[in-house]
C-alpha atoms as a PDB file:
ATOM      1  CA  MET A   1     -16.838  71.803 -16.401  1.00  0.00           C
ATOM      2  CA  SER A   2     -14.978  72.237 -19.613  1.00  0.00           C
ATOM      3  CA  ALA A   3     -16.623  71.684 -22.991  1.00  0.00           C
ATOM      4  CA  GLU A   4     -14.212  68.652 -23.582  1.00  0.00           C
ATOM      5  CA  LEU A   5     -15.230  67.043 -20.367  1.00  0.00           C
ATOM      6  CA  PHE A   6     -19.032  67.580 -21.059  1.00  0.00           C
ATOM      7  CA  ASN A   7     -18.621  66.100 -24.428  1.00  0.00           C
ATOM      8  CA  SER A   8     -16.906  63.037 -23.051  1.00  0.00           C
ATOM      9  CA  GLY A   9     -19.868  62.539 -20.866  1.00  0.00           C
ATOM     10  CA  LEU A  10     -22.378  62.754 -23.811  1.00  0.00           C
ATOM     11  CA  ALA A  11     -20.006  60.362 -25.747  1.00  0.00           C
ATOM     12  CA  GLN A  12     -20.127  57.748 -23.158  1.00  0.00           C
ATOM     13  CA  ASP A  13     -21.296  54.356 -24.296  1.00  0.00           C
ATOM     14  CA  GLY A  14     -24.936  53.818 -23.767  1.00  0.00           C
ATOM     15  CA  PHE A  15     -25.342  57.547 -22.788  1.00  0.00           C
ATOM     16  CA  PHE A  16     -29.064  57.640 -23.518  1.00  0.00           C
ATOM     17  CA  PHE A  17     -29.852  54.564 -21.782  1.00  0.00           C
ATOM     18  CA  LEU A  18     -28.064  56.096 -18.797  1.00  0.00           C
ATOM     19  CA  CYS A  19     -30.254  59.024 -18.915  1.00  0.00           C
ATOM     20  CA  ALA A  20     -33.217  57.131 -19.195  1.00  0.00           C
ATOM     21  CA  ALA A  21     -32.465  54.970 -16.340  1.00  0.00           C
ATOM     22  CA  ALA A  22     -31.404  58.092 -14.334  1.00  0.00           C
ATOM     23  CA  PHE A  23     -34.740  59.831 -14.978  1.00  0.00           C
ATOM     24  CA  THR A  24     -36.681  56.739 -14.077  1.00  0.00           C
ATOM     25  CA  ALA A  25     -34.814  56.216 -10.888  1.00  0.00           C
ATOM     26  CA  GLY A  26     -35.324  59.927  -9.876  1.00  0.00           C
ATOM     27  CA  LEU A  27     -39.138  59.371 -10.660  1.00  0.00           C
ATOM     28  CA  VAL A  28     -39.173  56.378  -8.368  1.00  0.00           C
ATOM     29  CA  ARG A  29     -37.454  58.069  -5.602  1.00  0.00           C
ATOM     30  CA  GLY A  30     -39.672  61.035  -5.731  1.00  0.00           C
ATOM     31  CA  PHE A  31     -42.716  59.254  -5.065  1.00  0.00           C
ATOM     32  CA  SER A  32     -41.411  56.337  -2.785  1.00  0.00           C
ATOM     33  CA  GLY A  33     -38.107  57.908  -1.083  1.00  0.00           C
ATOM     34  CA  PHE A  34     -36.109  54.997  -2.543  1.00  0.00           C
ATOM     35  CA  GLY A  35     -35.119  53.069  -5.589  1.00  0.00           C
ATOM     36  CA  THR A  36     -32.410  55.174  -7.129  1.00  0.00           C
ATOM     37  CA  ALA A  37     -29.611  52.564  -7.181  1.00  0.00           C
ATOM     38  CA  MET A  38     -31.791  49.551  -7.666  1.00  0.00           C
ATOM     39  CA  VAL A  39     -33.233  51.175 -11.011  1.00  0.00           C
ATOM     40  CA  PHE A  40     -30.094  52.711 -12.103  1.00  0.00           C
ATOM     41  CA  LEU A  41     -27.203  50.322 -11.230  1.00  0.00           C
ATOM     42  CA  PRO A  42     -28.502  47.397 -13.304  1.00  0.00           C
ATOM     43  CA  VAL A  43     -28.500  49.460 -16.354  1.00  0.00           C
ATOM     44  CA  ALA A  44     -25.201  51.329 -15.539  1.00  0.00           C
ATOM     45  CA  GLY A  45     -23.435  48.122 -14.978  1.00  0.00           C
ATOM     46  CA  GLN A  46     -24.044  47.150 -18.567  1.00  0.00           C
ATOM     47  CA  PHE A  47     -21.777  50.223 -19.615  1.00  0.00           C
ATOM     48  CA  LEU A  48     -19.647  51.146 -16.756  1.00  0.00           C
ATOM     49  CA  PRO A  49     -17.030  49.421 -14.398  1.00  0.00           C
ATOM     50  CA  PRO A  50     -18.378  48.665 -10.947  1.00  0.00           C
ATOM     51  CA  ILE A  51     -16.547  51.586  -9.055  1.00  0.00           C
ATOM     52  CA  THR A  52     -17.468  53.953 -11.963  1.00  0.00           C
ATOM     53  CA  ALA A  53     -21.029  53.096 -11.917  1.00  0.00           C
ATOM     54  CA  LEU A  54     -21.206  53.651  -8.177  1.00  0.00           C
ATOM     55  CA  THR A  55     -19.508  56.913  -8.388  1.00  0.00           C
ATOM     56  CA  VAL A  56     -21.717  58.179 -10.932  1.00  0.00           C
ATOM     57  CA  CYS A  57     -24.745  57.124  -9.367  1.00  0.00           C
ATOM     58  CA  ALA A  58     -23.698  58.971  -6.115  1.00  0.00           C
ATOM     59  CA  VAL A  59     -22.849  62.145  -7.898  1.00  0.00           C
ATOM     60  CA  MET A  60     -26.058  62.249  -9.896  1.00  0.00           C
ATOM     61  CA  ASP A  61     -28.303  61.433  -7.176  1.00  0.00           C
ATOM     62  CA  PHE A  62     -26.624  63.778  -4.617  1.00  0.00           C
ATOM     63  CA  PHE A  63     -28.707  66.699  -6.017  1.00  0.00           C
ATOM     64  CA  GLY A  64     -32.119  65.246  -6.458  1.00  0.00           C
ATOM     65  CA  PRO A  65     -32.871  64.751  -2.684  1.00  0.00           C
ATOM     66  CA  LEU A  66     -31.790  68.439  -1.943  1.00  0.00           C
ATOM     67  CA  VAL A  67     -35.132  69.705  -3.514  1.00  0.00           C
ATOM     68  CA  LEU A  68     -37.122  67.207  -1.177  1.00  0.00           C
ATOM     69  CA  ILE A  69     -35.450  67.104   2.336  1.00  0.00           C
ATOM     70  CA  PRO A  70     -36.692  70.554   3.428  1.00  0.00           C
ATOM     71  CA  ARG A  71     -40.245  69.316   2.989  1.00  0.00           C
ATOM     72  CA  LEU A  72     -39.589  66.045   4.793  1.00  0.00           C
ATOM     73  CA  ALA A  73     -38.106  67.522   7.940  1.00  0.00           C
ATOM     74  CA  LYS A  74     -41.373  67.019   9.980  1.00  0.00           C
ATOM     75  CA  ASP A  75     -41.601  63.255   9.089  1.00  0.00           C
ATOM     76  CA  ILE A  76     -38.110  62.236   9.923  1.00  0.00           C
ATOM     77  CA  ARG A  77     -37.676  59.792  12.980  1.00  0.00           C
ATOM     78  CA  PHE A  78     -34.242  60.923  14.070  1.00  0.00           C
ATOM     79  CA  SER A  79     -33.983  58.512  16.991  1.00  0.00           C
ATOM     80  CA  GLU A  80     -33.726  55.758  14.451  1.00  0.00           C
ATOM     81  CA  LEU A  81     -31.993  57.622  11.782  1.00  0.00           C
ATOM     82  CA  TRP A  82     -28.727  58.535  13.532  1.00  0.00           C
ATOM     83  CA  ARG A  83     -28.191  54.707  14.579  1.00  0.00           C
ATOM     84  CA  LEU A  84     -28.759  53.477  10.987  1.00  0.00           C
ATOM     85  CA  VAL A  85     -26.357  56.048   9.493  1.00  0.00           C
ATOM     86  CA  LEU A  86     -23.664  55.576  12.285  1.00  0.00           C
ATOM     87  CA  ALA A  87     -23.417  51.738  11.665  1.00  0.00           C
ATOM     88  CA  MET A  88     -23.558  51.961   8.016  1.00  0.00           C
ATOM     89  CA  ALA A  89     -20.684  54.613   8.002  1.00  0.00           C
ATOM     90  CA  LEU A  90     -18.555  52.135  10.103  1.00  0.00           C
ATOM     91  CA  VAL A  91     -18.747  49.134   7.751  1.00  0.00           C
ATOM     92  CA  PHE A  92     -19.102  50.813   4.402  1.00  0.00           C
ATOM     93  CA  PRO A  93     -15.360  51.451   3.612  1.00  0.00           C
ATOM     94  CA  PHE A  94     -14.396  47.964   4.102  1.00  0.00           C
ATOM     95  CA  ALA A  95     -17.209  46.686   1.669  1.00  0.00           C
ATOM     96  CA  LEU A  96     -16.049  49.247  -0.779  1.00  0.00           C
ATOM     97  CA  TRP A  97     -12.458  47.933  -0.776  1.00  0.00           C
ATOM     98  CA  ALA A  98     -13.853  44.369  -1.268  1.00  0.00           C
ATOM     99  CA  LEU A  99     -15.807  45.664  -4.414  1.00  0.00           C
ATOM    100  CA  SER A 100     -12.581  47.297  -5.922  1.00  0.00           C
ATOM    101  CA  LYS A 101     -11.117  44.020  -5.981  1.00  0.00           C
ATOM    102  CA  SER A 102     -13.993  41.964  -7.451  1.00  0.00           C
ATOM    103  CA  ASP A 103     -15.161  40.865 -10.938  1.00  0.00           C
ATOM    104  CA  PRO A 104     -17.503  43.232 -12.899  1.00  0.00           C
ATOM    105  CA  ASP A 105     -19.886  40.523 -13.780  1.00  0.00           C
ATOM    106  CA  LEU A 106     -20.141  39.487 -10.127  1.00  0.00           C
ATOM    107  CA  PHE A 107     -21.158  43.036  -9.418  1.00  0.00           C
ATOM    108  CA  ARG A 108     -23.886  42.945 -12.059  1.00  0.00           C
ATOM    109  CA  TYR A 109     -25.369  39.698 -10.645  1.00  0.00           C
ATOM    110  CA  LEU A 110     -25.250  40.686  -7.135  1.00  0.00           C
ATOM    111  CA  VAL A 111     -26.802  44.254  -7.818  1.00  0.00           C
ATOM    112  CA  SER A 112     -29.704  42.437  -9.696  1.00  0.00           C
ATOM    113  CA  CYS A 113     -30.119  39.657  -7.122  1.00  0.00           C
ATOM    114  CA  VAL A 114     -30.090  42.018  -4.118  1.00  0.00           C
ATOM    115  CA  ALA A 115     -32.980  44.010  -5.768  1.00  0.00           C
ATOM    116  CA  LEU A 116     -34.941  40.916  -6.653  1.00  0.00           C
ATOM    117  CA  VAL A 117     -34.588  39.398  -3.155  1.00  0.00           C
ATOM    118  CA  LEU A 118     -35.830  42.554  -1.440  1.00  0.00           C
ATOM    119  CA  LEU A 119     -38.809  42.503  -4.129  1.00  0.00           C
ATOM    120  CA  ILE A 120     -39.734  38.961  -3.163  1.00  0.00           C
ATOM    121  CA  CYS A 121     -39.626  39.724   0.408  1.00  0.00           C
ATOM    122  CA  LEU A 122     -41.869  42.709   0.114  1.00  0.00           C
ATOM    123  CA  VAL A 123     -44.309  40.902  -2.408  1.00  0.00           C
ATOM    124  CA  MET A 124     -44.699  38.109  -0.103  1.00  0.00           C
ATOM    125  CA  GLY A 125     -45.783  40.400   2.492  1.00  0.00           C
ATOM    126  CA  ILE A 126     -43.096  39.381   5.260  1.00  0.00           C
ATOM    127  CA  SER A 127     -43.474  41.893   8.117  1.00  0.00           C
ATOM    128  CA  TYR A 128     -41.729  42.754  11.232  1.00  0.00           C
ATOM    129  CA  ARG A 129     -43.754  43.486  14.399  1.00  0.00           C
ATOM    130  CA  GLY A 130     -41.177  43.174  16.921  1.00  0.00           C
ATOM    131  CA  LYS A 131     -39.687  45.903  19.149  1.00  0.00           C
ATOM    132  CA  VAL A 132     -37.327  48.387  17.453  1.00  0.00           C
ATOM    133  CA  THR A 133     -34.297  48.160  19.604  1.00  0.00           C
ATOM    134  CA  PRO A 134     -31.177  49.986  19.400  1.00  0.00           C
ATOM    135  CA  ARG A 135     -29.209  46.744  18.583  1.00  0.00           C
ATOM    136  CA  LEU A 136     -31.658  45.934  15.711  1.00  0.00           C
ATOM    137  CA  LEU A 137     -31.091  49.430  14.326  1.00  0.00           C
ATOM    138  CA  PHE A 138     -27.232  49.132  14.402  1.00  0.00           C
ATOM    139  CA  GLY A 139     -27.370  45.684  12.760  1.00  0.00           C
ATOM    140  CA  ILE A 140     -29.778  46.832   9.971  1.00  0.00           C
ATOM    141  CA  GLY A 141     -27.450  49.945   9.463  1.00  0.00           C
ATOM    142  CA  ALA A 142     -24.370  47.644   9.232  1.00  0.00           C
ATOM    143  CA  SER A 143     -25.962  45.463   6.927  1.00  0.00           C
ATOM    144  CA  SER A 144     -26.606  48.440   4.655  1.00  0.00           C
ATOM    145  CA  GLY A 145     -22.971  49.470   5.057  1.00  0.00           C
ATOM    146  CA  ILE A 146     -22.061  45.951   3.331  1.00  0.00           C
ATOM    147  CA  THR A 147     -24.618  46.172   0.594  1.00  0.00           C
ATOM    148  CA  GLY A 148     -23.863  49.786   0.070  1.00  0.00           C
ATOM    149  CA  GLY A 149     -20.065  49.173  -0.130  1.00  0.00           C
ATOM    150  CA  PHE A 150     -20.155  45.976  -2.349  1.00  0.00           C
ATOM    151  CA  VAL A 151     -23.108  46.378  -4.693  1.00  0.00           C
ATOM    152  CA  GLY A 152     -23.711  50.171  -4.250  1.00  0.00           C
ATOM    153  CA  MET A 153     -27.220  49.500  -2.749  1.00  0.00           C
ATOM    154  CA  PRO A 154     -27.417  50.579   1.029  1.00  0.00           C
ATOM    155  CA  GLY A 155     -31.241  50.728   0.682  1.00  0.00           C
ATOM    156  CA  PRO A 156     -32.476  47.200   0.756  1.00  0.00           C
ATOM    157  CA  PRO A 157     -32.044  46.293   4.511  1.00  0.00           C
ATOM    158  CA  VAL A 158     -33.541  49.751   5.583  1.00  0.00           C
ATOM    159  CA  ILE A 159     -36.230  49.674   3.122  1.00  0.00           C
ATOM    160  CA  PHE A 160     -37.204  46.221   4.178  1.00  0.00           C
ATOM    161  CA  PHE A 161     -37.287  47.211   7.830  1.00  0.00           C
ATOM    162  CA  TYR A 162     -39.436  50.142   7.173  1.00  0.00           C
ATOM    163  CA  LEU A 163     -41.786  48.758   4.608  1.00  0.00           C
ATOM    164  CA  ALA A 164     -42.144  45.406   6.671  1.00  0.00           C
ATOM    165  CA  GLY A 165     -42.915  47.330   9.933  1.00  0.00           C
ATOM    166  CA  PRO A 166     -45.918  49.265  11.067  1.00  0.00           C
ATOM    167  CA  PHE A 167     -44.496  52.696  10.008  1.00  0.00           C
ATOM    168  CA  PRO A 168     -46.619  55.512   8.221  1.00  0.00           C
ATOM    169  CA  ALA A 169     -45.786  56.176   4.473  1.00  0.00           C
ATOM    170  CA  ALA A 170     -44.580  59.675   5.117  1.00  0.00           C
ATOM    171  CA  ALA A 171     -42.064  58.423   7.731  1.00  0.00           C
ATOM    172  CA  VAL A 172     -40.973  55.618   5.499  1.00  0.00           C
ATOM    173  CA  ARG A 173     -40.402  58.042   2.655  1.00  0.00           C
ATOM    174  CA  ALA A 174     -38.608  60.703   4.925  1.00  0.00           C
ATOM    175  CA  ASN A 175     -36.230  58.390   6.807  1.00  0.00           C
ATOM    176  CA  THR A 176     -35.216  56.196   3.716  1.00  0.00           C
ATOM    177  CA  LEU A 177     -34.556  59.209   1.577  1.00  0.00           C
ATOM    178  CA  VAL A 178     -32.385  61.064   4.168  1.00  0.00           C
ATOM    179  CA  PHE A 179     -30.622  57.812   5.088  1.00  0.00           C
ATOM    180  CA  LEU A 180     -29.654  57.180   1.314  1.00  0.00           C
ATOM    181  CA  PHE A 181     -28.735  60.987   1.127  1.00  0.00           C
ATOM    182  CA  SER A 182     -26.295  60.393   3.971  1.00  0.00           C
ATOM    183  CA  TYR A 183     -24.922  57.272   2.325  1.00  0.00           C
ATOM    184  CA  GLU A 184     -24.271  59.397  -0.927  1.00  0.00           C
ATOM    185  CA  ILE A 185     -22.308  62.022   1.124  1.00  0.00           C
ATOM    186  CA  LEU A 186     -20.318  59.307   2.753  1.00  0.00           C
ATOM    187  CA  PHE A 187     -19.625  57.496  -0.524  1.00  0.00           C
ATOM    188  CA  LEU A 188     -18.377  60.726  -2.191  1.00  0.00           C
ATOM    189  CA  LEU A 189     -16.098  61.382   0.828  1.00  0.00           C
ATOM    190  CA  VAL A 190     -14.507  57.913   0.807  1.00  0.00           C
ATOM    191  CA  THR A 191     -14.114  57.772  -3.025  1.00  0.00           C
ATOM    192  CA  ALA A 192     -12.452  61.224  -3.095  1.00  0.00           C
ATOM    193  CA  VAL A 193      -9.964  60.282  -0.489  1.00  0.00           C
ATOM    194  CA  SER A 194      -9.375  56.878  -1.991  1.00  0.00           C
ATOM    195  CA  GLY A 195      -8.807  58.398  -5.659  1.00  0.00           C
ATOM    196  CA  PHE A 196     -12.056  56.619  -7.150  1.00  0.00           C
ATOM    197  CA  LEU A 197     -13.639  60.003  -7.629  1.00  0.00           C
ATOM    198  CA  THR A 198     -12.018  61.064 -10.777  1.00  0.00           C
ATOM    199  CA  LEU A 199     -12.954  64.165 -12.883  1.00  0.00           C
ATOM    200  CA  GLN A 200     -14.466  62.086 -15.729  1.00  0.00           C
ATOM    201  CA  ASN A 201     -16.654  60.141 -13.127  1.00  0.00           C
ATOM    202  CA  LEU A 202     -17.691  63.421 -11.607  1.00  0.00           C
ATOM    203  CA  THR A 203     -18.575  64.885 -14.991  1.00  0.00           C
ATOM    204  CA  LEU A 204     -20.677  62.170 -16.039  1.00  0.00           C
ATOM    205  CA  GLY A 205     -22.551  62.093 -12.715  1.00  0.00           C
ATOM    206  CA  LEU A 206     -23.249  65.812 -13.099  1.00  0.00           C
ATOM    207  CA  VAL A 207     -24.471  65.333 -16.599  1.00  0.00           C
ATOM    208  CA  LEU A 208     -26.835  62.828 -15.417  1.00  0.00           C
ATOM    209  CA  ALA A 209     -27.984  64.919 -12.375  1.00  0.00           C
ATOM    210  CA  LEU A 210     -30.484  66.804 -14.539  1.00  0.00           C
ATOM    211  CA  PRO A 211     -32.559  63.788 -15.507  1.00  0.00           C
ATOM    212  CA  VAL A 212     -32.468  62.741 -11.761  1.00  0.00           C
ATOM    213  CA  ILE A 213     -33.725  66.078 -10.399  1.00  0.00           C
ATOM    214  CA  SER A 214     -36.329  66.198 -13.071  1.00  0.00           C
ATOM    215  CA  GLY A 215     -37.610  62.735 -11.991  1.00  0.00           C
ATOM    216  CA  ASN A 216     -37.458  63.547  -8.329  1.00  0.00           C
ATOM    217  CA  LEU A 217     -39.614  66.692  -8.791  1.00  0.00           C
ATOM    218  CA  ILE A 218     -42.186  65.067 -11.017  1.00  0.00           C
ATOM    219  CA  GLY A 219     -42.401  61.989  -8.587  1.00  0.00           C
ATOM    220  CA  ALA A 220     -42.656  64.249  -5.569  1.00  0.00           C
ATOM    221  CA  TYR A 221     -45.226  66.357  -7.227  1.00  0.00           C
ATOM    222  CA  PHE A 222     -47.620  63.220  -7.735  1.00  0.00           C
ATOM    223  CA  PHE A 223     -46.734  61.806  -4.203  1.00  0.00           C
ATOM    224  CA  ASN A 224     -50.007  61.298  -2.240  1.00  0.00           C
ATOM    225  CA  PRO A 225     -49.745  59.243   1.171  1.00  0.00           C
ATOM    226  CA  GLU A 226     -53.431  57.972   0.386  1.00  0.00           C
ATOM    227  CA  ARG A 227     -52.238  56.201  -2.742  1.00  0.00           C
ATOM    228  CA  GLU A 228     -49.281  54.285  -0.932  1.00  0.00           C
ATOM    229  CA  THR A 229     -50.207  50.956  -2.395  1.00  0.00           C
ATOM    230  CA  LEU A 230     -50.230  52.115  -6.009  1.00  0.00           C
ATOM    231  CA  TYR A 231     -46.778  53.923  -5.686  1.00  0.00           C
ATOM    232  CA  ARG A 232     -45.238  50.768  -4.027  1.00  0.00           C
ATOM    233  CA  ARG A 233     -46.474  48.580  -7.028  1.00  0.00           C
ATOM    234  CA  VAL A 234     -45.158  51.017  -9.660  1.00  0.00           C
ATOM    235  CA  ALA A 235     -41.970  51.144  -7.892  1.00  0.00           C
ATOM    236  CA  PHE A 236     -41.613  47.345  -7.486  1.00  0.00           C
ATOM    237  CA  CYS A 237     -42.434  46.833 -11.188  1.00  0.00           C
ATOM    238  CA  ILE A 238     -39.926  49.239 -12.285  1.00  0.00           C
ATOM    239  CA  ILE A 239     -37.173  47.872 -10.071  1.00  0.00           C
ATOM    240  CA  PHE A 240     -37.979  44.223 -11.182  1.00  0.00           C
ATOM    241  CA  LEU A 241     -37.625  45.216 -14.899  1.00  0.00           C
ATOM    242  CA  SER A 242     -34.353  47.016 -14.166  1.00  0.00           C
ATOM    243  CA  ALA A 243     -32.972  44.193 -12.140  1.00  0.00           C
ATOM    244  CA  ILE A 244     -33.915  41.515 -14.926  1.00  0.00           C
ATOM    245  CA  ASN A 245     -32.494  43.562 -17.683  1.00  0.00           C
ATOM    246  CA  GLY A 246     -28.950  43.890 -15.794  1.00  0.00           C
ATOM    247  CA  LEU A 247     -28.309  40.203 -15.451  1.00  0.00           C
ATOM    248  CA  PRO A 248     -25.193  39.598 -17.542  1.00  0.00           C
ATOM    249  CA  LEU A 249     -26.756  36.291 -18.767  1.00  0.00           C
ATOM    250  CA  LEU A 250     -29.265  38.563 -20.854  1.00  0.00           C
ATOM    251  CA  ASP A 251     -26.563  40.478 -22.725  1.00  0.00           C
END
């Protein structure tokens, strides 16, 4: 990374707000397994175009989970995970193409609204106690492909499914984190092929990777399955504040 490119990242409008959002997003993901996009994108959407915000988010968050995944291997439910990832991968490119043709303010509204709808559903205690079938998993994965491509948030359908179901906290954390990491790999591959992964976006993402990794490590250090309720409440409050702050009408 050249000094000129590095300095261009530091000179990005709202850089210190982006750093704070990146660290907070990493912190939430470290102790809950999710939340990066829901915390970071409402802030990033205020300073970056939609595709740029998504690309920077994917680049910076690529490194955070790398320090956590080896510890989570024993808790991953692979029989569910591969179906979710496959369905998401098939739908995602079409949703991303739709985003590239959309209005930036629409993107910001949708990012905040998707995060708020998920929070409302979880706070209301809506639960799923039905049978987990392959068709259901493919449907949830496809929904994540839509939200992941169009608003850069593949997490809400999968997060709601796991948090609303009878799954242990460790399994929820492991599957959501690995699923979101799989999305980031797919996103980077698709954007590289389509030309959206520019050197400037890559540089800014790499600069913001440091606060994300720091947040992941700190969040993981304090993770304790016995305090699951507390972690969820903290994550919900942070996501709520970020989503409200990201609404264009509050500019």
